[in-house]
ModelCIF file with pLDDT and N, C-alpha, C, O atoms, coordinates in Angstrom:
data_MODEL
#
_entry.id   MODEL 
#
_entity.id                         1 
_entity.type                       polymer 
_entity.pdbx_number_of_molecules   1 
#
_entity_poly.entity_id                      1 
_entity_poly.type                           'polypeptide(L)' 
_entity_poly.nstd_linkage                   no 
_entity_poly.nstd_monomer                   no 
_entity_poly.pdbx_seq_one_letter_code       LFCLRLGTSCPQSCQCLDHEGAVAVHCSASGLQE 
_entity_poly.pdbx_seq_one_letter_code_can   LFCLRLGTSCPQSCQCLDHEGAVAVHCSASGLQE 
_entity_poly.pdbx_strand_id                 A 
#
loop_
_entity_poly_seq.entity_id 
_entity_poly_seq.num 
_entity_poly_seq.mon_id 
_entity_poly_seq.hetero 
1 1  LEU n 
1 2  PHE n 
1 3  CYS n 
1 4  LEU n 
1 5  ARG n 
1 6  LEU n 
1 7  GLY n 
1 8  THR n 
1 9  SER n 
1 10 CYS n 
1 11 PRO n 
1 12 GLN n 
1 13 SER n 
1 14 CYS n 
1 15 GLN n 
1 16 CYS n 
1 17 LEU n 
1 18 ASP n 
1 19 HIS n 
1 20 GLU n 
1 21 GLY n 
1 22 ALA n 
1 23 VAL n 
1 24 ALA n 
1 25 VAL n 
1 26 HIS n 
1 27 CYS n 
1 28 SER n 
1 29 ALA n 
1 30 SER n 
1 31 GLY n 
1 32 LEU n 
1 33 GLN n 
1 34 GLU n 
#
_struct_asym.id          A 
_struct_asym.entity_id   1 
#
loop_
_ma_qa_metric.id 
_ma_qa_metric.mode 
_ma_qa_metric.name 
_ma_qa_metric.software_group_id 
_ma_qa_metric.type 
1 global pLDDT . pLDDT 
2 local  pLDDT . pLDDT 
#
_ma_qa_metric_global.metric_id      1 
_ma_qa_metric_global.metric_value   81.88 
_ma_qa_metric_global.model_id       1 
_ma_qa_metric_global.ordinal_id     1 
#
loop_
_ma_qa_metric_local.label_asym_id 
_ma_qa_metric_local.label_comp_id 
_ma_qa_metric_local.label_seq_id 
_ma_qa_metric_local.metric_id 
_ma_qa_metric_local.metric_value 
_ma_qa_metric_local.model_id 
_ma_qa_metric_local.ordinal_id 
A LEU 1  2 40.00 1 1  
A PHE 2  2 42.00 1 2  
A CYS 3  2 42.00 1 3  
A LEU 4  2 38.00 1 4  
A ARG 5  2 44.00 1 5  
A LEU 6  2 42.00 1 6  
A GLY 7  2 42.00 1 7  
A THR 8  2 46.00 1 8  
A SER 9  2 79.00 1 9  
A CYS 10 2 94.00 1 10 
A PRO 11 2 95.00 1 11 
A GLN 12 2 92.00 1 12 
A SER 13 2 92.00 1 13 
A CYS 14 2 97.00 1 14 
A GLN 15 2 97.00 1 15 
A CYS 16 2 97.00 1 16 
A LEU 17 2 96.00 1 17 
A ASP 18 2 93.00 1 18 
A HIS 19 2 85.00 1 19 
A GLU 20 2 85.00 1 20 
A GLY 21 2 86.00 1 21 
A ALA 22 2 92.00 1 22 
A VAL 23 2 96.00 1 23 
A ALA 24 2 97.00 1 24 
A VAL 25 2 98.00 1 25 
A HIS 26 2 98.00 1 26 
A CYS 27 2 98.00 1 27 
A SER 28 2 98.00 1 28 
A ALA 29 2 98.00 1 29 
A SER 30 2 97.00 1 30 
A GLY 31 2 97.00 1 31 
A LEU 32 2 97.00 1 32 
A GLN 33 2 97.00 1 33 
A GLU 34 2 97.00 1 34 
#
loop_
_atom_site.group_PDB 
_atom_site.id 
_atom_site.type_symbol 
_atom_site.label_atom_id 
_atom_site.label_alt_id 
_atom_site.label_comp_id 
_atom_site.label_asym_id 
_atom_site.label_entity_id 
_atom_site.label_seq_id 
_atom_site.pdbx_PDB_ins_code 
_atom_site.Cartn_x 
_atom_site.Cartn_y 
_atom_site.Cartn_z 
_atom_site.occupancy 
_atom_site.B_iso_or_equiv 
_atom_site.pdbx_formal_charge 
_atom_site.auth_seq_id 
_atom_site.auth_comp_id 
_atom_site.auth_asym_id 
_atom_site.auth_atom_id 
_atom_site.pdbx_PDB_model_num 
ATOM 1   N N  . LEU A 1 1  ? -110.007 151.580 81.115 1.00 40.00 ? 1  LEU A N  1 
ATOM 2   C CA . LEU A 1 1  ? -111.075 150.720 81.703 1.00 40.00 ? 1  LEU A CA 1 
ATOM 3   C C  . LEU A 1 1  ? -112.011 150.231 80.486 1.00 40.00 ? 1  LEU A C  1 
ATOM 4   O O  . LEU A 1 1  ? -112.588 149.147 80.583 1.00 40.00 ? 1  LEU A O  1 
ATOM 5   N N  . PHE A 1 2  ? -112.161 151.040 79.330 1.00 42.00 ? 2  PHE A N  1 
ATOM 6   C CA . PHE A 1 2  ? -112.655 150.547 78.133 1.00 42.00 ? 2  PHE A CA 1 
ATOM 7   C C  . PHE A 1 2  ? -111.957 149.430 77.542 1.00 42.00 ? 2  PHE A C  1 
ATOM 8   O O  . PHE A 1 2  ? -112.623 148.457 77.189 1.00 42.00 ? 2  PHE A O  1 
ATOM 9   N N  . CYS A 1 3  ? -110.654 149.440 77.382 1.00 42.00 ? 3  CYS A N  1 
ATOM 10  C CA . CYS A 1 3  ? -109.938 148.416 76.874 1.00 42.00 ? 3  CYS A CA 1 
ATOM 11  C C  . CYS A 1 3  ? -110.083 147.191 77.640 1.00 42.00 ? 3  CYS A C  1 
ATOM 12  O O  . CYS A 1 3  ? -110.401 146.140 77.083 1.00 42.00 ? 3  CYS A O  1 
ATOM 13  N N  . LEU A 1 4  ? -109.859 147.273 78.926 1.00 38.00 ? 4  LEU A N  1 
ATOM 14  C CA . LEU A 1 4  ? -110.102 146.122 79.898 1.00 38.00 ? 4  LEU A CA 1 
ATOM 15  C C  . LEU A 1 4  ? -111.428 145.445 79.671 1.00 38.00 ? 4  LEU A C  1 
ATOM 16  O O  . LEU A 1 4  ? -111.513 144.218 79.620 1.00 38.00 ? 4  LEU A O  1 
ATOM 17  N N  . ARG A 1 5  ? -112.482 146.260 79.534 1.00 44.00 ? 5  ARG A N  1 
ATOM 18  C CA . ARG A 1 5  ? -113.790 145.708 79.442 1.00 44.00 ? 5  ARG A CA 1 
ATOM 19  C C  . ARG A 1 5  ? -113.951 144.963 78.111 1.00 44.00 ? 5  ARG A C  1 
ATOM 20  O O  . ARG A 1 5  ? -114.513 143.870 78.049 1.00 44.00 ? 5  ARG A O  1 
ATOM 21  N N  . LEU A 1 6  ? -113.464 145.564 77.109 1.00 42.00 ? 6  LEU A N  1 
ATOM 22  C CA . LEU A 1 6  ? -113.521 144.979 75.801 1.00 42.00 ? 6  LEU A CA 1 
ATOM 23  C C  . LEU A 1 6  ? -112.634 143.835 75.660 1.00 42.00 ? 6  LEU A C  1 
ATOM 24  O O  . LEU A 1 6  ? -113.037 142.871 75.009 1.00 42.00 ? 6  LEU A O  1 
ATOM 25  N N  . GLY A 1 7  ? -111.484 143.817 76.183 1.00 42.00 ? 7  GLY A N  1 
ATOM 26  C CA . GLY A 1 7  ? -110.493 142.766 76.047 1.00 42.00 ? 7  GLY A CA 1 
ATOM 27  C C  . GLY A 1 7  ? -111.047 141.561 76.787 1.00 42.00 ? 7  GLY A C  1 
ATOM 28  O O  . GLY A 1 7  ? -110.930 140.448 76.275 1.00 42.00 ? 7  GLY A O  1 
ATOM 29  N N  . THR A 1 8  ? -111.609 141.708 77.896 1.00 46.00 ? 8  THR A N  1 
ATOM 30  C CA . THR A 1 8  ? -111.994 140.517 78.766 1.00 46.00 ? 8  THR A CA 1 
ATOM 31  C C  . THR A 1 8  ? -113.148 139.718 77.926 1.00 46.00 ? 8  THR A C  1 
ATOM 32  O O  . THR A 1 8  ? -113.284 138.509 78.116 1.00 46.00 ? 8  THR A O  1 
ATOM 33  N N  . SER A 1 9  ? -113.947 140.391 77.028 1.00 79.00 ? 9  SER A N  1 
ATOM 34  C CA . SER A 1 9  ? -115.036 139.688 76.350 1.00 79.00 ? 9  SER A CA 1 
ATOM 35  C C  . SER A 1 9  ? -114.693 139.274 74.932 1.00 79.00 ? 9  SER A C  1 
ATOM 36  O O  . SER A 1 9  ? -115.556 138.808 74.189 1.00 79.00 ? 9  SER A O  1 
ATOM 37  N N  . CYS A 1 10 ? -113.478 139.439 74.569 1.00 94.00 ? 10 CYS A N  1 
ATOM 38  C CA . CYS A 1 10 ? -112.941 139.022 73.243 1.00 94.00 ? 10 CYS A CA 1 
ATOM 39  C C  . CYS A 1 10 ? -112.349 137.723 73.159 1.00 94.00 ? 10 CYS A C  1 
ATOM 40  O O  . CYS A 1 10 ? -111.453 137.508 73.975 1.00 94.00 ? 10 CYS A O  1 
ATOM 41  N N  . PRO A 1 11 ? -112.641 136.816 72.367 1.00 95.00 ? 11 PRO A N  1 
ATOM 42  C CA . PRO A 1 11 ? -112.135 135.512 72.315 1.00 95.00 ? 11 PRO A CA 1 
ATOM 43  C C  . PRO A 1 11 ? -110.533 135.593 72.117 1.00 95.00 ? 11 PRO A C  1 
ATOM 44  O O  . PRO A 1 11 ? -109.997 136.517 71.507 1.00 95.00 ? 11 PRO A O  1 
ATOM 45  N N  . GLN A 1 12 ? -109.890 134.602 72.658 1.00 92.00 ? 12 GLN A N  1 
ATOM 46  C CA . GLN A 1 12 ? -108.408 134.572 72.459 1.00 92.00 ? 12 GLN A CA 1 
ATOM 47  C C  . GLN A 1 12 ? -108.125 134.345 71.000 1.00 92.00 ? 12 GLN A C  1 
ATOM 48  O O  . GLN A 1 12 ? -108.843 133.601 70.333 1.00 92.00 ? 12 GLN A O  1 
ATOM 49  N N  . SER A 1 13 ? -107.103 134.967 70.501 1.00 92.00 ? 13 SER A N  1 
ATOM 50  C CA . SER A 1 13 ? -106.698 134.817 69.075 1.00 92.00 ? 13 SER A CA 1 
ATOM 51  C C  . SER A 1 13 ? -107.574 135.663 68.136 1.00 92.00 ? 13 SER A C  1 
ATOM 52  O O  . SER A 1 13 ? -107.377 135.637 66.922 1.00 92.00 ? 13 SER A O  1 
ATOM 53  N N  . CYS A 1 14 ? -108.547 136.417 68.696 1.00 97.00 ? 14 CYS A N  1 
ATOM 54  C CA . CYS A 1 14 ? -109.447 137.200 67.864 1.00 97.00 ? 14 CYS A CA 1 
ATOM 55  C C  . CYS A 1 14 ? -109.231 138.762 68.168 1.00 97.00 ? 14 CYS A C  1 
ATOM 56  O O  . CYS A 1 14 ? -108.678 139.147 69.198 1.00 97.00 ? 14 CYS A O  1 
ATOM 57  N N  . GLN A 1 15 ? -109.658 139.516 67.299 1.00 97.00 ? 15 GLN A N  1 
ATOM 58  C CA . GLN A 1 15 ? -109.581 141.008 67.504 1.00 97.00 ? 15 GLN A CA 1 
ATOM 59  C C  . GLN A 1 15 ? -111.127 141.579 67.542 1.00 97.00 ? 15 GLN A C  1 
ATOM 60  O O  . GLN A 1 15 ? -111.972 141.238 66.714 1.00 97.00 ? 15 GLN A O  1 
ATOM 61  N N  . CYS A 1 16 ? -111.338 142.369 68.474 1.00 97.00 ? 16 CYS A N  1 
ATOM 62  C CA . CYS A 1 16 ? -112.697 142.937 68.570 1.00 97.00 ? 16 CYS A CA 1 
ATOM 63  C C  . CYS A 1 16 ? -112.539 144.430 68.390 1.00 97.00 ? 16 CYS A C  1 
ATOM 64  O O  . CYS A 1 16 ? -111.827 145.096 69.141 1.00 97.00 ? 16 CYS A O  1 
ATOM 65  N N  . LEU A 1 17 ? -113.190 144.918 67.420 1.00 96.00 ? 17 LEU A N  1 
ATOM 66  C CA . LEU A 1 17 ? -113.094 146.325 67.113 1.00 96.00 ? 17 LEU A CA 1 
ATOM 67  C C  . LEU A 1 17 ? -114.441 146.942 67.299 1.00 96.00 ? 17 LEU A C  1 
ATOM 68  O O  . LEU A 1 17 ? -115.420 146.521 66.684 1.00 96.00 ? 17 LEU A O  1 
ATOM 69  N N  . ASP A 1 18 ? -114.502 147.999 68.195 1.00 93.00 ? 18 ASP A N  1 
ATOM 70  C CA . ASP A 1 18 ? -115.704 148.636 68.578 1.00 93.00 ? 18 ASP A CA 1 
ATOM 71  C C  . ASP A 1 18 ? -115.930 149.920 67.784 1.00 93.00 ? 18 ASP A C  1 
ATOM 72  O O  . ASP A 1 18 ? -115.022 150.723 67.572 1.00 93.00 ? 18 ASP A O  1 
ATOM 73  N N  . HIS A 1 19 ? -117.307 150.090 67.314 1.00 85.00 ? 19 HIS A N  1 
ATOM 74  C CA . HIS A 1 19 ? -117.601 151.222 66.496 1.00 85.00 ? 19 HIS A CA 1 
ATOM 75  C C  . HIS A 1 19 ? -118.989 151.652 67.050 1.00 85.00 ? 19 HIS A C  1 
ATOM 76  O O  . HIS A 1 19 ? -120.015 151.053 66.726 1.00 85.00 ? 19 HIS A O  1 
ATOM 77  N N  . GLU A 1 20 ? -118.982 152.686 67.878 1.00 85.00 ? 20 GLU A N  1 
ATOM 78  C CA . GLU A 1 20 ? -120.341 153.335 68.352 1.00 85.00 ? 20 GLU A CA 1 
ATOM 79  C C  . GLU A 1 20 ? -121.177 152.142 69.019 1.00 85.00 ? 20 GLU A C  1 
ATOM 80  O O  . GLU A 1 20 ? -122.379 151.983 68.806 1.00 85.00 ? 20 GLU A O  1 
ATOM 81  N N  . GLY A 1 21 ? -120.467 151.391 69.783 1.00 86.00 ? 21 GLY A N  1 
ATOM 82  C CA . GLY A 1 21 ? -121.254 150.327 70.588 1.00 86.00 ? 21 GLY A CA 1 
ATOM 83  C C  . GLY A 1 21 ? -121.524 149.020 69.821 1.00 86.00 ? 21 GLY A C  1 
ATOM 84  O O  . GLY A 1 21 ? -122.079 148.076 70.384 1.00 86.00 ? 21 GLY A O  1 
ATOM 85  N N  . ALA A 1 22 ? -121.138 148.967 68.562 1.00 92.00 ? 22 ALA A N  1 
ATOM 86  C CA . ALA A 1 22 ? -121.254 147.787 67.753 1.00 92.00 ? 22 ALA A CA 1 
ATOM 87  C C  . ALA A 1 22 ? -119.792 147.065 67.499 1.00 92.00 ? 22 ALA A C  1 
ATOM 88  O O  . ALA A 1 22 ? -118.829 147.679 67.038 1.00 92.00 ? 22 ALA A O  1 
ATOM 89  N N  . VAL A 1 23 ? -119.773 145.907 67.805 1.00 96.00 ? 23 VAL A N  1 
ATOM 90  C CA . VAL A 1 23 ? -118.360 145.211 67.772 1.00 96.00 ? 23 VAL A CA 1 
ATOM 91  C C  . VAL A 1 23 ? -118.223 144.356 66.585 1.00 96.00 ? 23 VAL A C  1 
ATOM 92  O O  . VAL A 1 23 ? -119.084 143.510 66.343 1.00 96.00 ? 23 VAL A O  1 
ATOM 93  N N  . ALA A 1 24 ? -117.182 144.523 65.817 1.00 97.00 ? 24 ALA A N  1 
ATOM 94  C CA . ALA A 1 24 ? -116.757 143.496 64.742 1.00 97.00 ? 24 ALA A CA 1 
ATOM 95  C C  . ALA A 1 24 ? -115.622 142.517 65.406 1.00 97.00 ? 24 ALA A C  1 
ATOM 96  O O  . ALA A 1 24 ? -114.538 142.877 65.866 1.00 97.00 ? 24 ALA A O  1 
ATOM 97  N N  . VAL A 1 25 ? -116.087 141.338 65.344 1.00 98.00 ? 25 VAL A N  1 
ATOM 98  C CA . VAL A 1 25 ? -115.083 140.284 65.661 1.00 98.00 ? 25 VAL A CA 1 
ATOM 99  C C  . VAL A 1 25 ? -114.343 139.547 64.670 1.00 98.00 ? 25 VAL A C  1 
ATOM 100 O O  . VAL A 1 25 ? -114.948 138.735 63.969 1.00 98.00 ? 25 VAL A O  1 
ATOM 101 N N  . HIS A 1 26 ? -113.065 139.739 64.523 1.00 98.00 ? 26 HIS A N  1 
ATOM 102 C CA . HIS A 1 26 ? -112.322 139.122 63.509 1.00 98.00 ? 26 HIS A CA 1 
ATOM 103 C C  . HIS A 1 26 ? -111.459 137.957 64.132 1.00 98.00 ? 26 HIS A C  1 
ATOM 104 O O  . HIS A 1 26 ? -110.518 138.220 64.880 1.00 98.00 ? 26 HIS A O  1 
ATOM 105 N N  . CYS A 1 27 ? -111.808 136.645 63.799 1.00 98.00 ? 27 CYS A N  1 
ATOM 106 C CA . CYS A 1 27 ? -111.066 135.513 64.162 1.00 98.00 ? 27 CYS A CA 1 
ATOM 107 C C  . CYS A 1 27 ? -110.504 134.681 62.950 1.00 98.00 ? 27 CYS A C  1 
ATOM 108 O O  . CYS A 1 27 ? -110.254 133.481 63.062 1.00 98.00 ? 27 CYS A O  1 
ATOM 109 N N  . SER A 1 28 ? -110.310 135.421 61.732 1.00 98.00 ? 28 SER A N  1 
ATOM 110 C CA . SER A 1 28 ? -109.942 134.633 60.544 1.00 98.00 ? 28 SER A CA 1 
ATOM 111 C C  . SER A 1 28 ? -108.546 134.084 60.727 1.00 98.00 ? 28 SER A C  1 
ATOM 112 O O  . SER A 1 28 ? -107.635 134.672 61.308 1.00 98.00 ? 28 SER A O  1 
ATOM 113 N N  . ALA A 1 29 ? -108.479 132.816 60.131 1.00 98.00 ? 29 ALA A N  1 
ATOM 114 C CA . ALA A 1 29 ? -107.157 132.122 60.196 1.00 98.00 ? 29 ALA A CA 1 
ATOM 115 C C  . ALA A 1 29 ? -106.450 132.180 61.498 1.00 98.00 ? 29 ALA A C  1 
ATOM 116 O O  . ALA A 1 29 ? -105.292 132.587 61.590 1.00 98.00 ? 29 ALA A O  1 
ATOM 117 N N  . SER A 1 30 ? -107.203 131.744 62.566 1.00 97.00 ? 30 SER A N  1 
ATOM 118 C CA . SER A 1 30 ? -106.613 131.656 63.852 1.00 97.00 ? 30 SER A CA 1 
ATOM 119 C C  . SER A 1 30 ? -106.435 130.204 64.292 1.00 97.00 ? 30 SER A C  1 
ATOM 120 O O  . SER A 1 30 ? -106.135 130.012 65.470 1.00 97.00 ? 30 SER A O  1 
ATOM 121 N N  . GLY A 1 31 ? -106.577 129.244 63.538 1.00 97.00 ? 31 GLY A N  1 
ATOM 122 C CA . GLY A 1 31 ? -106.440 127.879 63.884 1.00 97.00 ? 31 GLY A CA 1 
ATOM 123 C C  . GLY A 1 31 ? -107.545 127.282 64.631 1.00 97.00 ? 31 GLY A C  1 
ATOM 124 O O  . GLY A 1 31 ? -107.398 126.193 65.186 1.00 97.00 ? 31 GLY A O  1 
ATOM 125 N N  . LEU A 1 32 ? -108.774 128.011 64.681 1.00 97.00 ? 32 LEU A N  1 
ATOM 126 C CA . LEU A 1 32 ? -109.826 127.578 65.574 1.00 97.00 ? 32 LEU A CA 1 
ATOM 127 C C  . LEU A 1 32 ? -110.456 126.285 65.060 1.00 97.00 ? 32 LEU A C  1 
ATOM 128 O O  . LEU A 1 32 ? -110.723 126.175 63.863 1.00 97.00 ? 32 LEU A O  1 
ATOM 129 N N  . GLN A 1 33 ? -110.712 125.257 65.974 1.00 97.00 ? 33 GLN A N  1 
ATOM 130 C CA . GLN A 1 33 ? -111.352 124.041 65.708 1.00 97.00 ? 33 GLN A CA 1 
ATOM 131 C C  . GLN A 1 33 ? -112.878 123.950 65.999 1.00 97.00 ? 33 GLN A C  1 
ATOM 132 O O  . GLN A 1 33 ? -113.590 123.030 65.598 1.00 97.00 ? 33 GLN A O  1 
ATOM 133 N N  . GLU A 1 34 ? -113.283 124.967 66.712 1.00 97.00 ? 34 GLU A N  1 
ATOM 134 C CA . GLU A 1 34 ? -114.771 125.115 67.101 1.00 97.00 ? 34 GLU A CA 1 
ATOM 135 C C  . GLU A 1 34 ? -114.988 126.670 67.335 1.00 97.00 ? 34 GLU A C  1 
ATOM 136 O O  . GLU A 1 34 ? -116.096 127.096 67.661 1.00 97.00 ? 34 GLU A O  1 
#
């Protein structure tokens, strides 16, 4: 359930790492144009 909740709110091509309720979002070098 935690993974599903976190996964649904994470942008595509990004990684969202949770640490004690704080999220680090890594979208480096993902080809994003916006």
